[in-house]
């Protein structure tokens, strides 16, 4: 189950992408975060250490597709896929 975060809590974007199971390794998540193609609330991410908060909207590439999600929870560790899906809400592209 996703942990409830304090309102001002943040987590590095590379960790969040890894915890949410979008990427198989944290280093791959960091590479995508630093690729120049990842956005947090419409702003380009420059570093894997970019903080994300509950409510942030992320856009990032996963293979040939771009994903658009809203952060619902931060998580504390990489968990099984059904639990990881509770960390985000998939949004329609566009």
PDB file of N, CA and C in Angstrom:
ATOM      1  N   UNK A   1       0.844  -1.175   0.000  1.00  0.00           N
ATOM      2  CA  UNK A   1       0.000   0.000   0.000  1.00  0.00           C
ATOM      3  C   UNK A   1       0.892   1.241   0.000  1.00  0.00           C
ATOM      4  N   UNK A   2       0.507   2.277  -0.747  1.00  0.00           N
ATOM      5  CA  UNK A   2       1.295   3.501  -0.839  1.00  0.00           C
ATOM      6  C   UNK A   2       1.237   4.268   0.478  1.00  0.00           C
ATOM      7  N   UNK A   3       2.378   4.775   0.871  1.00  0.00           N
ATOM      8  CA  UNK A   3       2.452   5.541   2.119  1.00  0.00           C
ATOM      9  C   UNK A   3       1.877   6.933   1.913  1.00  0.00           C
ATOM     10  N   UNK A   4       1.252   7.474   2.923  1.00  0.00           N
ATOM     11  CA  UNK A   4       0.722   8.825   2.857  1.00  0.00           C
ATOM     12  C   UNK A   4       1.851   9.770   3.225  1.00  0.00           C
ATOM     13  N   UNK A   5       2.105  10.744   2.354  1.00  0.00           N
ATOM     14  CA  UNK A   5       3.208  11.675   2.566  1.00  0.00           C
ATOM     15  C   UNK A   5       2.705  12.976   3.177  1.00  0.00           C
ATOM     16  N   UNK A   6       3.574  13.610   3.937  1.00  0.00           N
ATOM     17  CA  UNK A   6       3.259  14.939   4.467  1.00  0.00           C
ATOM     18  C   UNK A   6       3.126  15.900   3.285  1.00  0.00           C
ATOM     19  N   UNK A   7       2.332  16.962   3.417  1.00  0.00           N
ATOM     20  CA  UNK A   7       2.081  17.871   2.295  1.00  0.00           C
ATOM     21  C   UNK A   7       3.330  18.458   1.661  1.00  0.00           C
ATOM     22  N   UNK A   8       4.383  18.671   2.428  1.00  0.00           N
ATOM     23  CA  UNK A   8       5.597  19.272   1.890  1.00  0.00           C
ATOM     24  C   UNK A   8       6.674  18.238   1.544  1.00  0.00           C
ATOM     25  N   UNK A   9       6.342  16.962   1.567  1.00  0.00           N
ATOM     26  CA  UNK A   9       7.304  15.903   1.264  1.00  0.00           C
ATOM     27  C   UNK A   9       7.636  15.877  -0.221  1.00  0.00           C
ATOM     28  N   UNK A  10       8.881  15.518  -0.502  1.00  0.00           N
ATOM     29  CA  UNK A  10       9.320  15.366  -1.888  1.00  0.00           C
ATOM     30  C   UNK A  10      10.126  14.075  -2.016  1.00  0.00           C
ATOM     31  N   UNK A  11      10.331  13.663  -3.257  1.00  0.00           N
ATOM     32  CA  UNK A  11      11.157  12.504  -3.571  1.00  0.00           C
ATOM     33  C   UNK A  11      11.845  12.793  -4.897  1.00  0.00           C
ATOM     34  N   UNK A  12      13.084  12.352  -5.037  1.00  0.00           N
ATOM     35  CA  UNK A  12      13.792  12.524  -6.313  1.00  0.00           C
ATOM     36  C   UNK A  12      12.991  11.872  -7.430  1.00  0.00           C
ATOM     37  N   UNK A  13      12.972  12.502  -8.604  1.00  0.00           N
ATOM     38  CA  UNK A  13      12.193  11.975  -9.718  1.00  0.00           C
ATOM     39  C   UNK A  13      12.701  10.608 -10.165  1.00  0.00           C
ATOM     40  N   UNK A  14      14.014  10.375 -10.140  1.00  0.00           N
ATOM     41  CA  UNK A  14      14.516   9.068 -10.561  1.00  0.00           C
ATOM     42  C   UNK A  14      14.034   7.964  -9.626  1.00  0.00           C
ATOM     43  N   UNK A  15      14.021   8.241  -8.316  1.00  0.00           N
ATOM     44  CA  UNK A  15      13.512   7.251  -7.363  1.00  0.00           C
ATOM     45  C   UNK A  15      12.024   7.011  -7.578  1.00  0.00           C
ATOM     46  N   UNK A  16      11.265   8.095  -7.779  1.00  0.00           N
ATOM     47  CA  UNK A  16       9.819   7.936  -7.952  1.00  0.00           C
ATOM     48  C   UNK A  16       9.502   7.112  -9.198  1.00  0.00           C
ATOM     49  N   UNK A  17      10.163   7.406 -10.310  1.00  0.00           N
ATOM     50  CA  UNK A  17       9.937   6.646 -11.543  1.00  0.00           C
ATOM     51  C   UNK A  17      10.284   5.170 -11.361  1.00  0.00           C
ATOM     52  N   UNK A  18      11.327   4.894 -10.595  1.00  0.00           N
ATOM     53  CA  UNK A  18      11.724   3.523 -10.300  1.00  0.00           C
ATOM     54  C   UNK A  18      10.713   2.856  -9.368  1.00  0.00           C
ATOM     55  N   UNK A  19      10.323   3.539  -8.288  1.00  0.00           N
ATOM     56  CA  UNK A  19       9.337   2.985  -7.347  1.00  0.00           C
ATOM     57  C   UNK A  19       8.006   2.706  -8.040  1.00  0.00           C
ATOM     58  N   UNK A  20       7.611   3.569  -8.979  1.00  0.00           N
ATOM     59  CA  UNK A  20       6.336   3.409  -9.683  1.00  0.00           C
ATOM     60  C   UNK A  20       6.421   2.366 -10.807  1.00  0.00           C
ATOM     61  N   UNK A  21       7.596   1.781 -10.974  1.00  0.00           N
ATOM     62  CA  UNK A  21       7.837   0.685 -11.919  1.00  0.00           C
ATOM     63  C   UNK A  21       7.720   1.071 -13.385  1.00  0.00           C
ATOM     64  N   UNK A  22       8.058   2.311 -13.709  1.00  0.00           N
ATOM     65  CA  UNK A  22       8.097   2.705 -15.115  1.00  0.00           C
ATOM     66  C   UNK A  22       9.399   2.246 -15.758  1.00  0.00           C
ATOM     67  N   UNK A  23      10.448   2.061 -14.921  1.00  0.00           N
ATOM     68  CA  UNK A  23      11.757   1.631 -15.416  1.00  0.00           C
ATOM     69  C   UNK A  23      12.313   0.524 -14.533  1.00  0.00           C
ATOM     70  N   UNK A  24      13.094  -0.373 -15.142  1.00  0.00           N
ATOM     71  CA  UNK A  24      13.597  -1.546 -14.427  1.00  0.00           C
ATOM     72  C   UNK A  24      14.743  -1.241 -13.472  1.00  0.00           C
ATOM     73  N   UNK A  25      15.412  -0.104 -13.667  1.00  0.00           N
ATOM     74  CA  UNK A  25      16.501   0.256 -12.760  1.00  0.00           C
ATOM     75  C   UNK A  25      16.449   1.751 -12.471  1.00  0.00           C
ATOM     76  N   UNK A  26      17.025   2.115 -11.350  1.00  0.00           N
ATOM     77  CA  UNK A  26      17.057   3.537 -10.990  1.00  0.00           C
ATOM     78  C   UNK A  26      17.979   4.292 -11.935  1.00  0.00           C
ATOM     79  N   UNK A  27      19.056   3.662 -12.391  1.00  0.00           N
ATOM     80  CA  UNK A  27      19.966   4.347 -13.312  1.00  0.00           C
ATOM     81  C   UNK A  27      19.282   4.631 -14.649  1.00  0.00           C
ATOM     82  N   UNK A  28      18.434   3.738 -15.112  1.00  0.00           N
ATOM     83  CA  UNK A  28      17.671   3.982 -16.336  1.00  0.00           C
ATOM     84  C   UNK A  28      16.669   5.123 -16.116  1.00  0.00           C
ATOM     85  N   UNK A  29      16.026   5.134 -14.959  1.00  0.00           N
ATOM     86  CA  UNK A  29      15.096   6.218 -14.621  1.00  0.00           C
ATOM     87  C   UNK A  29      15.840   7.552 -14.573  1.00  0.00           C
ATOM     88  N   UNK A  30      17.047   7.566 -14.020  1.00  0.00           N
ATOM     89  CA  UNK A  30      17.849   8.786 -13.959  1.00  0.00           C
ATOM     90  C   UNK A  30      18.224   9.263 -15.360  1.00  0.00           C
ATOM     91  N   UNK A  31      18.590   8.333 -16.239  1.00  0.00           N
ATOM     92  CA  UNK A  31      18.953   8.699 -17.608  1.00  0.00           C
ATOM     93  C   UNK A  31      17.769   9.333 -18.334  1.00  0.00           C
ATOM     94  N   UNK A  32      16.589   8.780 -18.153  1.00  0.00           N
ATOM     95  CA  UNK A  32      15.390   9.349 -18.780  1.00  0.00           C
ATOM     96  C   UNK A  32      15.083  10.724 -18.183  1.00  0.00           C
ATOM     97  N   UNK A  33      15.223  10.845 -16.875  1.00  0.00           N
ATOM     98  CA  UNK A  33      14.961  12.133 -16.212  1.00  0.00           C
ATOM     99  C   UNK A  33      15.893  13.218 -16.743  1.00  0.00           C
ATOM    100  N   UNK A  34      17.136  12.874 -17.041  1.00  0.00           N
ATOM    101  CA  UNK A  34      18.131  13.843 -17.499  1.00  0.00           C
ATOM    102  C   UNK A  34      18.188  13.976 -19.023  1.00  0.00           C
ATOM    103  N   UNK A  35      17.322  13.283 -19.744  1.00  0.00           N
ATOM    104  CA  UNK A  35      17.365  13.273 -21.204  1.00  0.00           C
ATOM    105  C   UNK A  35      16.890  14.566 -21.854  1.00  0.00           C
ATOM    106  N   UNK A  36      16.221  15.423 -21.091  1.00  0.00           N
ATOM    107  CA  UNK A  36      15.652  16.643 -21.667  1.00  0.00           C
ATOM    108  C   UNK A  36      14.247  16.447 -22.192  1.00  0.00           C
ATOM    109  N   UNK A  37      13.725  15.216 -22.107  1.00  0.00           N
ATOM    110  CA  UNK A  37      12.387  14.904 -22.595  1.00  0.00           C
ATOM    111  C   UNK A  37      11.381  14.719 -21.470  1.00  0.00           C
ATOM    112  N   UNK A  38      11.828  14.857 -20.234  1.00  0.00           N
ATOM    113  CA  UNK A  38      10.952  14.675 -19.075  1.00  0.00           C
ATOM    114  C   UNK A  38      10.518  16.036 -18.551  1.00  0.00           C
ATOM    115  N   UNK A  39       9.213  16.156 -18.272  1.00  0.00           N
ATOM    116  CA  UNK A  39       8.647  17.404 -17.771  1.00  0.00           C
ATOM    117  C   UNK A  39       7.977  17.180 -16.422  1.00  0.00           C
ATOM    118  N   UNK A  40       8.111  18.145 -15.522  1.00  0.00           N
ATOM    119  CA  UNK A  40       7.368  18.168 -14.263  1.00  0.00           C
ATOM    120  C   UNK A  40       6.577  19.465 -14.270  1.00  0.00           C
ATOM    121  N   UNK A  41       5.263  19.340 -14.275  1.00  0.00           N
ATOM    122  CA  UNK A  41       4.382  20.511 -14.323  1.00  0.00           C
ATOM    123  C   UNK A  41       4.741  21.435 -15.477  1.00  0.00           C
ATOM    124  N   UNK A  42       5.074  20.846 -16.632  1.00  0.00           N
ATOM    125  CA  UNK A  42       5.361  21.613 -17.833  1.00  0.00           C
ATOM    126  C   UNK A  42       6.777  22.146 -17.959  1.00  0.00           C
ATOM    127  N   UNK A  43       7.621  21.902 -16.965  1.00  0.00           N
ATOM    128  CA  UNK A  43       9.004  22.384 -17.001  1.00  0.00           C
ATOM    129  C   UNK A  43       9.962  21.226 -17.232  1.00  0.00           C
ATOM    130  N   UNK A  44      10.957  21.453 -18.074  1.00  0.00           N
ATOM    131  CA  UNK A  44      11.940  20.423 -18.393  1.00  0.00           C
ATOM    132  C   UNK A  44      12.783  20.109 -17.163  1.00  0.00           C
ATOM    133  N   UNK A  45      12.979  18.828 -16.923  1.00  0.00           N
ATOM    134  CA  UNK A  45      13.810  18.353 -15.813  1.00  0.00           C
ATOM    135  C   UNK A  45      15.268  18.369 -16.275  1.00  0.00           C
ATOM    136  N   UNK A  46      16.146  18.920 -15.448  1.00  0.00           N
ATOM    137  CA  UNK A  46      17.569  18.984 -15.789  1.00  0.00           C
ATOM    138  C   UNK A  46      18.382  17.928 -15.049  1.00  0.00           C
ATOM    139  N   UNK A  47      17.906  17.524 -13.871  1.00  0.00           N
ATOM    140  CA  UNK A  47      18.662  16.583 -13.042  1.00  0.00           C
ATOM    141  C   UNK A  47      17.766  15.466 -12.519  1.00  0.00           C
ATOM    142  N   UNK A  48      18.381  14.322 -12.270  1.00  0.00           N
ATOM    143  CA  UNK A  48      17.652  13.188 -11.696  1.00  0.00           C
ATOM    144  C   UNK A  48      17.218  13.482 -10.271  1.00  0.00           C
ATOM    145  N   UNK A  49      17.830  14.482  -9.660  1.00  0.00           N
ATOM    146  CA  UNK A  49      17.485  14.837  -8.284  1.00  0.00           C
ATOM    147  C   UNK A  49      16.313  15.814  -8.202  1.00  0.00           C
ATOM    148  N   UNK A  50      15.713  16.145  -9.335  1.00  0.00           N
ATOM    149  CA  UNK A  50      14.547  17.040  -9.346  1.00  0.00           C
ATOM    150  C   UNK A  50      13.488  16.485  -8.389  1.00  0.00           C
ATOM    151  N   UNK A  51      13.028  17.291  -7.430  1.00  0.00           N
ATOM    152  CA  UNK A  51      12.011  16.783  -6.505  1.00  0.00           C
ATOM    153  C   UNK A  51      10.622  16.740  -7.130  1.00  0.00           C
ATOM    154  N   UNK A  52       9.864  15.717  -6.787  1.00  0.00           N
ATOM    155  CA  UNK A  52       8.448  15.642  -7.174  1.00  0.00           C
ATOM    156  C   UNK A  52       7.622  15.574  -5.899  1.00  0.00           C
ATOM    157  N   UNK A  53       6.406  16.091  -6.001  1.00  0.00           N
ATOM    158  CA  UNK A  53       5.477  16.131  -4.869  1.00  0.00           C
ATOM    159  C   UNK A  53       4.158  15.502  -5.291  1.00  0.00           C
ATOM    160  N   UNK A  54       3.369  15.141  -4.319  1.00  0.00           N
ATOM    161  CA  UNK A  54       2.017  14.659  -4.602  1.00  0.00           C
ATOM    162  C   UNK A  54       1.279  15.774  -5.325  1.00  0.00           C
ATOM    163  N   UNK A  55       0.608  15.425  -6.424  1.00  0.00           N
ATOM    164  CA  UNK A  55      -0.135  16.396  -7.224  1.00  0.00           C
ATOM    165  C   UNK A  55       0.605  16.852  -8.463  1.00  0.00           C
ATOM    166  N   UNK A  56       1.924  16.615  -8.542  1.00  0.00           N
ATOM    167  CA  UNK A  56       2.695  17.010  -9.724  1.00  0.00           C
ATOM    168  C   UNK A  56       2.270  16.191 -10.933  1.00  0.00           C
ATOM    169  N   UNK A  57       2.353  16.815 -12.103  1.00  0.00           N
ATOM    170  CA  UNK A  57       2.069  16.126 -13.360  1.00  0.00           C
ATOM    171  C   UNK A  57       3.393  15.886 -14.077  1.00  0.00           C
ATOM    172  N   UNK A  58       3.633  14.636 -14.458  1.00  0.00           N
ATOM    173  CA  UNK A  58       4.874  14.255 -15.130  1.00  0.00           C
ATOM    174  C   UNK A  58       4.579  13.801 -16.543  1.00  0.00           C
ATOM    175  N   UNK A  59       5.468  14.150 -17.467  1.00  0.00           N
ATOM    176  CA  UNK A  59       5.429  13.646 -18.835  1.00  0.00           C
ATOM    177  C   UNK A  59       6.822  13.123 -19.129  1.00  0.00           C
ATOM    178  N   UNK A  60       6.905  11.870 -19.603  1.00  0.00           N
ATOM    179  CA  UNK A  60       8.212  11.260 -19.846  1.00  0.00           C
ATOM    180  C   UNK A  60       8.079  10.159 -20.888  1.00  0.00           C
ATOM    181  N   UNK A  61       9.166   9.880 -21.615  1.00  0.00           N
ATOM    182  CA  UNK A  61       9.120   8.811 -22.619  1.00  0.00           C
ATOM    183  C   UNK A  61       9.331   7.437 -21.995  1.00  0.00           C
ATOM    184  N   UNK A  62       8.592   6.459 -22.484  1.00  0.00           N
ATOM    185  CA  UNK A  62       8.830   5.047 -22.149  1.00  0.00           C
ATOM    186  C   UNK A  62       8.803   4.309 -23.478  1.00  0.00           C
ATOM    187  N   UNK A  63       9.967   4.072 -24.028  1.00  0.00           N
ATOM    188  CA  UNK A  63      10.050   3.468 -25.350  1.00  0.00           C
ATOM    189  C   UNK A  63       9.526   4.458 -26.383  1.00  0.00           C
ATOM    190  N   UNK A  64       8.688   3.995 -27.320  1.00  0.00           N
ATOM    191  CA  UNK A  64       8.181   4.887 -28.364  1.00  0.00           C
ATOM    192  C   UNK A  64       7.021   5.778 -27.887  1.00  0.00           C
ATOM    193  N   UNK A  65       6.588   5.587 -26.681  1.00  0.00           N
ATOM    194  CA  UNK A  65       5.407   6.268 -26.158  1.00  0.00           C
ATOM    195  C   UNK A  65       5.782   7.314 -25.105  1.00  0.00           C
ATOM    196  N   UNK A  66       4.974   8.369 -25.013  1.00  0.00           N
ATOM    197  CA  UNK A  66       5.139   9.357 -23.936  1.00  0.00           C
ATOM    198  C   UNK A  66       4.023   9.126 -22.931  1.00  0.00           C
ATOM    199  N   UNK A  67       4.389   9.037 -21.662  1.00  0.00           N
ATOM    200  CA  UNK A  67       3.413   8.834 -20.582  1.00  0.00           C
ATOM    201  C   UNK A  67       3.137  10.163 -19.914  1.00  0.00           C
ATOM    202  N   UNK A  68       1.902  10.354 -19.500  1.00  0.00           N
ATOM    203  CA  UNK A  68       1.498  11.547 -18.747  1.00  0.00           C
ATOM    204  C   UNK A  68       0.769  11.046 -17.516  1.00  0.00           C
ATOM    205  N   UNK A  69       1.326  11.335 -16.341  1.00  0.00           N
ATOM    206  CA  UNK A  69       0.757  10.826 -15.094  1.00  0.00           C
ATOM    207  C   UNK A  69       0.721  11.925 -14.032  1.00  0.00           C
ATOM    208  N   UNK A  70      -0.163  11.746 -13.062  1.00  0.00           N
ATOM    209  CA  UNK A  70      -0.221  12.621 -11.883  1.00  0.00           C
ATOM    210  C   UNK A  70       0.262  11.807 -10.694  1.00  0.00           C
ATOM    211  N   UNK A  71       1.134  12.399  -9.894  1.00  0.00           N
ATOM    212  CA  UNK A  71       1.678  11.744  -8.706  1.00  0.00           C
ATOM    213  C   UNK A  71       0.604  11.740  -7.617  1.00  0.00           C
ATOM    214  N   UNK A  72       0.212  10.545  -7.160  1.00  0.00           N
ATOM    215  CA  UNK A  72      -0.775  10.404  -6.091  1.00  0.00           C
ATOM    216  C   UNK A  72      -0.127  10.126  -4.741  1.00  0.00           C
ATOM    217  N   UNK A  73       1.037   9.508  -4.764  1.00  0.00           N
ATOM    218  CA  UNK A  73       1.777   9.181  -3.535  1.00  0.00           C
ATOM    219  C   UNK A  73       3.250   9.052  -3.905  1.00  0.00           C
ATOM    220  N   UNK A  74       4.115   9.195  -2.912  1.00  0.00           N
ATOM    221  CA  UNK A  74       5.554   9.132  -3.174  1.00  0.00           C
ATOM    222  C   UNK A  74       6.123   7.731  -3.042  1.00  0.00           C
ATOM    223  N   UNK A  75       5.633   6.947  -2.116  1.00  0.00           N
ATOM    224  CA  UNK A  75       6.176   5.610  -1.904  1.00  0.00           C
ATOM    225  C   UNK A  75       7.466   5.670  -1.100  1.00  0.00           C
ATOM    226  N   UNK A  76       7.878   4.533  -0.591  1.00  0.00           N
ATOM    227  CA  UNK A  76       9.093   4.446   0.223  1.00  0.00           C
ATOM    228  C   UNK A  76      10.082   3.432  -0.320  1.00  0.00           C
ATOM    229  N   UNK A  77       9.607   2.565  -1.201  1.00  0.00           N
ATOM    230  CA  UNK A  77      10.461   1.530  -1.785  1.00  0.00           C
ATOM    231  C   UNK A  77       9.761   0.976  -3.019  1.00  0.00           C
ATOM    232  N   UNK A  78      10.495   0.231  -3.819  1.00  0.00           N
ATOM    233  CA  UNK A  78       9.909  -0.427  -4.986  1.00  0.00           C
ATOM    234  C   UNK A  78       9.060  -1.595  -4.486  1.00  0.00           C
ATOM    235  N   UNK A  79       7.798  -1.592  -4.827  1.00  0.00           N
ATOM    236  CA  UNK A  79       6.846  -2.596  -4.365  1.00  0.00           C
ATOM    237  C   UNK A  79       6.279  -3.350  -5.571  1.00  0.00           C
ATOM    238  N   UNK A  80       5.482  -4.394  -5.347  1.00  0.00           N
ATOM    239  CA  UNK A  80       4.866  -5.123  -6.450  1.00  0.00           C
ATOM    240  C   UNK A  80       4.007  -4.190  -7.330  1.00  0.00           C
ATOM    241  N   UNK A  81       3.848  -4.582  -8.582  1.00  0.00           N
ATOM    242  CA  UNK A  81       3.146  -3.745  -9.560  1.00  0.00           C
ATOM    243  C   UNK A  81       1.769  -3.247  -9.103  1.00  0.00           C
ATOM    244  N   UNK A  82       0.917  -4.085  -8.515  1.00  0.00           N
ATOM    245  CA  UNK A  82      -0.391  -3.562  -8.086  1.00  0.00           C
ATOM    246  C   UNK A  82      -0.260  -2.421  -7.067  1.00  0.00           C
ATOM    247  N   UNK A  83       0.719  -2.504  -6.187  1.00  0.00           N
ATOM    248  CA  UNK A  83       0.940  -1.428  -5.216  1.00  0.00           C
ATOM    249  C   UNK A  83       1.569  -0.211  -5.886  1.00  0.00           C
ATOM    250  N   UNK A  84       2.436  -0.437  -6.854  1.00  0.00           N
ATOM    251  CA  UNK A  84       3.082   0.671  -7.560  1.00  0.00           C
ATOM    252  C   UNK A  84       2.057   1.499  -8.329  1.00  0.00           C
ATOM    253  N   UNK A  85       1.023   0.863  -8.862  1.00  0.00           N
ATOM    254  CA  UNK A  85      -0.011   1.592  -9.609  1.00  0.00           C
ATOM    255  C   UNK A  85      -0.773   2.577  -8.726  1.00  0.00           C
ATOM    256  N   UNK A  86      -0.742   2.391  -7.417  1.00  0.00           N
ATOM    257  CA  UNK A  86      -1.404   3.317  -6.500  1.00  0.00           C
ATOM    258  C   UNK A  86      -0.612   4.616  -6.335  1.00  0.00           C
ATOM    259  N   UNK A  87       0.610   4.677  -6.881  1.00  0.00           N
ATOM    260  CA  UNK A  87       1.423   5.879  -6.767  1.00  0.00           C
ATOM    261  C   UNK A  87       1.059   6.944  -7.799  1.00  0.00           C
ATOM    262  N   UNK A  88       0.306   6.572  -8.842  1.00  0.00           N
ATOM    263  CA  UNK A  88       0.034   7.522  -9.919  1.00  0.00           C
ATOM    264  C   UNK A  88      -1.338   7.303 -10.549  1.00  0.00           C
ATOM    265  N   UNK A  89      -1.764   8.339 -11.253  1.00  0.00           N
ATOM    266  CA  UNK A  89      -2.982   8.286 -12.058  1.00  0.00           C
ATOM    267  C   UNK A  89      -2.563   8.562 -13.491  1.00  0.00           C
ATOM    268  N   UNK A  90      -2.914   7.667 -14.379  1.00  0.00           N
ATOM    269  CA  UNK A  90      -2.590   7.834 -15.807  1.00  0.00           C
ATOM    270  C   UNK A  90      -3.525   8.909 -16.369  1.00  0.00           C
ATOM    271  N   UNK A  91      -2.949   9.872 -17.074  1.00  0.00           N
ATOM    272  CA  UNK A  91      -3.734  10.950 -17.682  1.00  0.00           C
ATOM    273  C   UNK A  91      -3.713  10.787 -19.196  1.00  0.00           C
ATOM    274  N   UNK A  92      -4.751  11.279 -19.848  1.00  0.00           N
ATOM    275  CA  UNK A  92      -4.813  11.207 -21.313  1.00  0.00           C
ATOM    276  C   UNK A  92      -3.714  12.083 -21.908  1.00  0.00           C
ATOM    277  N   UNK A  93      -3.083  11.604 -22.966  1.00  0.00           N
ATOM    278  CA  UNK A  93      -2.025  12.373 -23.620  1.00  0.00           C
ATOM    279  C   UNK A  93      -2.664  13.565 -24.322  1.00  0.00           C
ATOM    280  N   UNK A  94      -1.947  14.696 -24.291  1.00  0.00           N
ATOM    281  CA  UNK A  94      -2.434  15.873 -25.024  1.00  0.00           C
ATOM    282  C   UNK A  94      -2.769  16.967 -24.175  1.00  0.00           C
TER     283      UNK A  94
END
